[in-house]
Each structure stands twice: as structure tokens, then as C-alpha cells.
N, C-alpha and C. Protein backbone atom coordinates (compact mmCIF):
# COMPACT_ATOMS: atom_id res chain seq x y z
N GLN A 1 113.33 105.76 114.78
CA GLN A 1 112.81 104.68 113.97
C GLN A 1 113.95 103.95 113.26
N VAL A 2 113.81 102.64 113.20
CA VAL A 2 114.74 101.79 112.48
C VAL A 2 113.96 101.07 111.39
N GLN A 3 114.49 101.10 110.19
CA GLN A 3 113.88 100.38 109.09
C GLN A 3 114.72 99.15 108.75
N LEU A 4 114.05 98.03 108.53
CA LEU A 4 114.70 96.78 108.17
C LEU A 4 114.17 96.34 106.82
N VAL A 5 115.08 96.04 105.91
CA VAL A 5 114.70 95.61 104.58
C VAL A 5 115.42 94.32 104.26
N GLU A 6 114.64 93.25 104.02
CA GLU A 6 115.20 91.97 103.65
C GLU A 6 115.29 91.84 102.14
N SER A 7 116.24 91.04 101.70
CA SER A 7 116.38 90.75 100.28
C SER A 7 117.05 89.40 100.12
N GLY A 8 116.96 88.83 98.93
CA GLY A 8 117.66 87.60 98.61
C GLY A 8 116.79 86.37 98.52
N GLY A 9 115.52 86.48 98.86
CA GLY A 9 114.65 85.33 98.77
C GLY A 9 114.35 84.96 97.33
N GLY A 10 113.76 83.80 97.15
CA GLY A 10 113.43 83.35 95.82
C GLY A 10 113.08 81.88 95.79
N LEU A 11 113.02 81.34 94.59
CA LEU A 11 112.71 79.94 94.36
C LEU A 11 114.00 79.18 94.09
N VAL A 12 114.19 78.08 94.79
CA VAL A 12 115.40 77.28 94.63
C VAL A 12 115.04 75.81 94.76
N GLN A 13 115.79 74.96 94.06
CA GLN A 13 115.56 73.53 94.14
C GLN A 13 116.15 72.95 95.42
N PRO A 14 115.64 71.83 95.90
CA PRO A 14 116.24 71.19 97.07
C PRO A 14 117.72 70.95 96.87
N GLY A 15 118.50 71.24 97.91
CA GLY A 15 119.94 71.13 97.83
C GLY A 15 120.62 72.40 97.39
N GLY A 16 119.85 73.37 96.95
CA GLY A 16 120.40 74.63 96.49
C GLY A 16 120.72 75.57 97.63
N SER A 17 121.13 76.78 97.27
CA SER A 17 121.54 77.77 98.26
C SER A 17 120.92 79.12 97.97
N LEU A 18 120.73 79.88 99.01
CA LEU A 18 120.29 81.26 98.93
C LEU A 18 121.01 82.05 100.01
N ARG A 19 121.19 83.32 99.75
CA ARG A 19 121.78 84.21 100.74
C ARG A 19 120.83 85.37 100.98
N LEU A 20 120.34 85.47 102.21
CA LEU A 20 119.45 86.54 102.59
C LEU A 20 120.24 87.66 103.25
N SER A 21 119.79 88.88 103.01
CA SER A 21 120.41 90.03 103.63
C SER A 21 119.34 90.90 104.27
N CYS A 22 119.72 91.55 105.36
CA CYS A 22 118.85 92.48 106.04
C CYS A 22 119.64 93.74 106.31
N ALA A 23 119.18 94.84 105.76
CA ALA A 23 119.84 96.12 105.94
C ALA A 23 119.04 96.99 106.90
N ALA A 24 119.70 97.47 107.93
CA ALA A 24 119.08 98.36 108.89
C ALA A 24 119.46 99.79 108.59
N SER A 25 118.49 100.66 108.64
CA SER A 25 118.74 102.07 108.39
C SER A 25 117.91 102.91 109.36
N GLY A 26 118.11 104.20 109.30
CA GLY A 26 117.45 105.10 110.23
C GLY A 26 118.33 105.31 111.45
N ASN A 27 117.71 105.41 112.61
CA ASN A 27 118.45 105.60 113.86
C ASN A 27 118.89 104.25 114.39
N VAL A 28 120.06 103.80 113.99
CA VAL A 28 120.54 102.47 114.34
C VAL A 28 121.36 102.45 115.62
N ILE A 29 121.49 103.59 116.29
CA ILE A 29 122.23 103.61 117.54
C ILE A 29 121.53 102.75 118.58
N GLY A 30 122.29 101.90 119.24
CA GLY A 30 121.76 101.07 120.30
C GLY A 30 121.19 99.74 119.86
N VAL A 31 121.26 99.41 118.57
CA VAL A 31 120.79 98.12 118.10
C VAL A 31 121.68 97.03 118.68
N SER A 32 121.07 96.08 119.35
CA SER A 32 121.82 95.01 119.98
C SER A 32 121.74 93.76 119.13
N ALA A 33 120.93 92.79 119.54
CA ALA A 33 120.81 91.56 118.78
C ALA A 33 120.01 91.76 117.50
N MET A 34 120.39 91.04 116.48
CA MET A 34 119.63 90.97 115.25
C MET A 34 119.36 89.50 114.96
N ASP A 35 118.17 89.23 114.46
CA ASP A 35 117.71 87.85 114.35
C ASP A 35 116.99 87.59 113.04
N TRP A 36 116.98 86.32 112.66
CA TRP A 36 116.16 85.84 111.55
C TRP A 36 115.06 84.95 112.11
N PHE A 37 113.85 85.20 111.68
CA PHE A 37 112.71 84.35 111.96
C PHE A 37 112.14 83.86 110.64
N ARG A 38 111.37 82.80 110.69
CA ARG A 38 110.68 82.34 109.49
C ARG A 38 109.31 81.81 109.87
N GLN A 39 108.42 81.85 108.91
CA GLN A 39 107.07 81.35 109.12
C GLN A 39 106.67 80.53 107.90
N ALA A 40 106.54 79.23 108.11
CA ALA A 40 106.12 78.34 107.06
C ALA A 40 104.60 78.38 106.93
N PRO A 41 104.08 78.01 105.76
CA PRO A 41 102.62 78.02 105.58
C PRO A 41 101.92 77.18 106.63
N GLY A 42 100.95 77.77 107.31
CA GLY A 42 100.18 77.06 108.30
C GLY A 42 100.88 76.81 109.62
N LYS A 43 102.05 77.40 109.81
CA LYS A 43 102.81 77.18 111.03
C LYS A 43 103.12 78.51 111.72
N LEU A 44 103.54 78.40 112.98
CA LEU A 44 103.91 79.57 113.76
C LEU A 44 105.26 80.11 113.33
N ARG A 45 105.44 81.40 113.52
CA ARG A 45 106.73 82.00 113.26
C ARG A 45 107.75 81.47 114.27
N GLU A 46 108.92 81.08 113.79
CA GLU A 46 109.93 80.52 114.66
C GLU A 46 111.27 81.22 114.46
N PRO A 47 112.07 81.30 115.51
CA PRO A 47 113.41 81.86 115.36
C PRO A 47 114.30 80.90 114.60
N VAL A 48 115.17 81.45 113.76
CA VAL A 48 116.08 80.66 112.95
C VAL A 48 117.52 80.86 113.40
N ALA A 49 117.94 82.10 113.52
CA ALA A 49 119.31 82.41 113.90
C ALA A 49 119.36 83.79 114.55
N SER A 50 120.24 83.93 115.52
CA SER A 50 120.43 85.20 116.20
C SER A 50 121.91 85.52 116.27
N VAL A 51 122.23 86.77 116.11
CA VAL A 51 123.61 87.25 116.23
C VAL A 51 123.60 88.42 117.20
N THR A 52 124.29 88.26 118.32
CA THR A 52 124.34 89.33 119.30
C THR A 52 125.36 90.37 118.89
N SER A 53 125.34 91.49 119.59
CA SER A 53 126.29 92.56 119.32
C SER A 53 127.71 92.16 119.64
N HIS A 54 127.88 91.10 120.42
CA HIS A 54 129.20 90.59 120.76
C HIS A 54 129.65 89.44 119.86
N GLY A 55 128.85 89.13 118.86
CA GLY A 55 129.23 88.12 117.90
C GLY A 55 128.82 86.70 118.23
N ARG A 56 128.05 86.51 119.27
CA ARG A 56 127.57 85.17 119.59
C ARG A 56 126.42 84.82 118.65
N ILE A 57 126.44 83.60 118.13
CA ILE A 57 125.47 83.17 117.14
C ILE A 57 124.75 81.94 117.64
N PHE A 58 123.44 81.95 117.46
CA PHE A 58 122.60 80.84 117.88
C PHE A 58 121.73 80.41 116.71
N TYR A 59 121.52 79.10 116.58
CA TYR A 59 120.72 78.55 115.50
C TYR A 59 119.67 77.60 116.05
N VAL A 60 118.54 77.55 115.38
CA VAL A 60 117.57 76.52 115.70
C VAL A 60 118.13 75.18 115.21
N ASP A 61 117.81 74.11 115.91
CA ASP A 61 118.41 72.81 115.62
C ASP A 61 118.23 72.38 114.16
N SER A 62 117.10 72.69 113.58
CA SER A 62 116.79 72.21 112.25
C SER A 62 117.68 72.79 111.15
N VAL A 63 118.40 73.88 111.44
CA VAL A 63 119.24 74.51 110.41
C VAL A 63 120.72 74.42 110.74
N LYS A 64 121.08 73.87 111.88
CA LYS A 64 122.48 73.78 112.25
C LYS A 64 123.26 72.96 111.23
N GLY A 65 124.42 73.47 110.85
CA GLY A 65 125.25 72.81 109.86
C GLY A 65 124.91 73.18 108.44
N ARG A 66 123.78 73.83 108.22
CA ARG A 66 123.36 74.21 106.87
C ARG A 66 123.30 75.72 106.68
N PHE A 67 122.91 76.44 107.72
CA PHE A 67 122.76 77.89 107.65
C PHE A 67 123.90 78.56 108.40
N THR A 68 124.32 79.71 107.90
CA THR A 68 125.34 80.50 108.56
C THR A 68 124.87 81.95 108.63
N ALA A 69 124.75 82.47 109.84
CA ALA A 69 124.37 83.86 110.03
C ALA A 69 125.61 84.70 110.31
N ALA A 70 125.56 85.94 109.88
CA ALA A 70 126.67 86.85 110.12
C ALA A 70 126.12 88.26 110.25
N ARG A 71 126.85 89.07 110.98
CA ARG A 71 126.44 90.45 111.20
C ARG A 71 127.63 91.36 111.06
N ASP A 72 127.44 92.40 110.29
CA ASP A 72 128.42 93.46 110.17
C ASP A 72 127.92 94.60 111.03
N SER A 73 128.47 94.71 112.23
CA SER A 73 127.99 95.71 113.18
C SER A 73 128.17 97.13 112.68
N ALA A 74 129.28 97.37 111.99
CA ALA A 74 129.53 98.71 111.48
C ALA A 74 128.49 99.13 110.45
N GLU A 75 128.02 98.19 109.67
CA GLU A 75 127.04 98.47 108.63
C GLU A 75 125.61 98.16 109.06
N ASN A 76 125.46 97.53 110.24
CA ASN A 76 124.15 97.10 110.71
C ASN A 76 123.44 96.26 109.65
N THR A 77 124.17 95.29 109.15
CA THR A 77 123.66 94.39 108.14
C THR A 77 123.70 92.97 108.68
N LEU A 78 122.63 92.24 108.48
CA LEU A 78 122.52 90.85 108.90
C LEU A 78 122.34 89.99 107.67
N THR A 79 123.09 88.89 107.59
CA THR A 79 122.98 87.98 106.47
C THR A 79 122.68 86.58 106.96
N LEU A 80 122.15 85.77 106.07
CA LEU A 80 121.90 84.37 106.35
C LEU A 80 122.23 83.58 105.10
N GLN A 81 123.33 82.86 105.14
CA GLN A 81 123.71 81.97 104.05
C GLN A 81 123.05 80.63 104.28
N MET A 82 122.20 80.23 103.35
CA MET A 82 121.43 79.00 103.49
C MET A 82 121.89 78.01 102.44
N ASN A 83 122.45 76.90 102.88
CA ASN A 83 122.92 75.85 102.00
C ASN A 83 122.12 74.57 102.23
N SER A 84 122.21 73.66 101.28
CA SER A 84 121.52 72.38 101.37
C SER A 84 120.06 72.57 101.75
N LEU A 85 119.41 73.46 101.05
CA LEU A 85 118.03 73.81 101.38
C LEU A 85 117.09 72.62 101.17
N LYS A 86 116.11 72.54 102.04
CA LYS A 86 115.11 71.48 102.02
C LYS A 86 113.74 72.10 101.83
N PRO A 87 112.79 71.32 101.32
CA PRO A 87 111.43 71.85 101.18
C PRO A 87 110.86 72.41 102.48
N GLU A 88 111.21 71.82 103.61
CA GLU A 88 110.71 72.30 104.88
C GLU A 88 111.29 73.64 105.30
N ASP A 89 112.28 74.14 104.56
CA ASP A 89 112.80 75.47 104.80
C ASP A 89 111.93 76.55 104.17
N THR A 90 110.96 76.15 103.40
CA THR A 90 110.08 77.09 102.73
C THR A 90 109.32 77.95 103.73
N GLY A 91 109.25 79.23 103.46
CA GLY A 91 108.52 80.13 104.32
C GLY A 91 108.92 81.57 104.07
N VAL A 92 108.30 82.45 104.80
CA VAL A 92 108.66 83.86 104.76
C VAL A 92 109.68 84.12 105.85
N TYR A 93 110.81 84.66 105.46
CA TYR A 93 111.89 84.95 106.40
C TYR A 93 111.87 86.41 106.78
N TYR A 94 111.89 86.67 108.09
CA TYR A 94 111.79 88.02 108.62
C TYR A 94 113.06 88.39 109.37
N CYS A 95 113.47 89.62 109.20
CA CYS A 95 114.57 90.18 109.97
C CYS A 95 114.02 90.91 111.18
N HIS A 96 114.66 90.73 112.32
CA HIS A 96 114.26 91.38 113.55
C HIS A 96 115.47 92.04 114.19
N ALA A 97 115.25 93.21 114.77
CA ALA A 97 116.30 93.90 115.49
C ALA A 97 115.73 94.49 116.77
N ARG A 98 116.54 94.45 117.81
CA ARG A 98 116.16 95.06 119.07
C ARG A 98 117.09 96.25 119.34
N GLN A 99 116.48 97.37 119.62
CA GLN A 99 117.23 98.57 119.91
C GLN A 99 117.07 98.91 121.38
N ILE A 100 118.19 99.08 122.07
CA ILE A 100 118.21 99.46 123.47
C ILE A 100 118.82 100.85 123.55
N TRP A 101 118.02 101.79 124.05
CA TRP A 101 118.44 103.18 124.06
C TRP A 101 117.80 103.88 125.23
N GLY A 102 118.63 104.47 126.09
CA GLY A 102 118.12 105.22 127.23
C GLY A 102 117.35 104.38 128.22
N GLY A 103 117.68 103.09 128.34
CA GLY A 103 117.01 102.21 129.28
C GLY A 103 115.74 101.58 128.76
N SER A 104 115.35 101.91 127.54
CA SER A 104 114.17 101.33 126.93
C SER A 104 114.57 100.49 125.73
N SER A 105 113.70 99.56 125.34
CA SER A 105 113.97 98.71 124.19
C SER A 105 112.80 98.79 123.21
N THR A 106 113.14 98.69 121.95
CA THR A 106 112.15 98.70 120.88
C THR A 106 112.49 97.61 119.89
N ASP A 107 111.48 96.89 119.44
CA ASP A 107 111.67 95.81 118.48
C ASP A 107 111.18 96.25 117.10
N TYR A 108 111.95 95.90 116.09
CA TYR A 108 111.63 96.24 114.71
C TYR A 108 111.62 94.98 113.86
N TRP A 109 110.74 94.97 112.88
CA TRP A 109 110.60 93.84 111.97
C TRP A 109 110.61 94.31 110.53
N GLY A 110 111.22 93.51 109.66
CA GLY A 110 111.14 93.78 108.25
C GLY A 110 109.85 93.23 107.67
N GLN A 111 109.64 93.47 106.39
CA GLN A 111 108.42 93.01 105.72
C GLN A 111 108.48 91.53 105.38
N GLY A 112 109.66 90.95 105.36
CA GLY A 112 109.82 89.55 105.05
C GLY A 112 110.18 89.31 103.60
N THR A 113 110.85 88.20 103.36
CA THR A 113 111.19 87.79 102.01
C THR A 113 110.86 86.31 101.85
N GLN A 114 110.23 85.97 100.75
CA GLN A 114 109.75 84.61 100.52
C GLN A 114 110.88 83.71 100.06
N VAL A 115 110.99 82.55 100.71
CA VAL A 115 111.91 81.51 100.30
C VAL A 115 111.09 80.27 99.98
N THR A 116 111.21 79.78 98.76
CA THR A 116 110.49 78.60 98.34
C THR A 116 111.48 77.56 97.85
N VAL A 117 111.47 76.39 98.47
CA VAL A 117 112.35 75.29 98.10
C VAL A 117 111.48 74.20 97.50
N SER A 118 111.58 74.01 96.21
CA SER A 118 110.72 73.06 95.52
C SER A 118 111.37 72.60 94.23
N SER A 119 111.11 71.36 93.86
CA SER A 119 111.59 70.84 92.60
C SER A 119 110.53 70.94 91.52
């Protein structure tokens, strides 16, 4: 089992910044990609940023240039630095990790952390 715990969410004004963190614990052997998803009110959950085990980073178009994802493989920690936040960034942000072990894969999700961008 892998446990994912997100932190860093909160209320911020437009143009402000937040830094989200996701800490993985438990049996973290074989964890490959780690990702951030978000779900805005009344909308589908969407991928925001992904960091592979090789350091490749992918972002959804709407956050490019504003968000920066990073992963500390040794610590199995995923972060998301969010700058120039907009009201449309509001939503619950979820951490996701995929574990590949013995030819099988398992997906894990955190409980989510609320991000609210409002004046």
C-alpha cells in the first residue's frame, strides 16, 4: 500500500501563489509517474501536471508558464508551485501515483486539497 497526503491548499487572491505538496509513504518501491489532477466545481477531473521517474514534466495548456511541478524521487515527494493564480484554477487538487511492481501496476490517490482563488 502507498499512502498519498496532499497539503498546501487554501484561499488566495487572484494573482497570488500557493505551493502544494504530496508526500508518498508506505511501500513506495516501484512508484513511477506522479501526477497532479484537479476538479473544479461542476466539472470533470482533469490532469494538471505529471512528472515521470526520469524527470520529464508535462503540463495542461491552461497552466503552462504559471505552474511548476517537481519531484524528489529519493523522498517520493511531489510539489506544485502555482503562481499567477486565476479564479478558474479553483478546485480540489489531487495527487496521483502509479506503482509498477512485479509486472503489475497499481494507482493511488490522495484525499485532495482545496484551492480557492477569489477576491
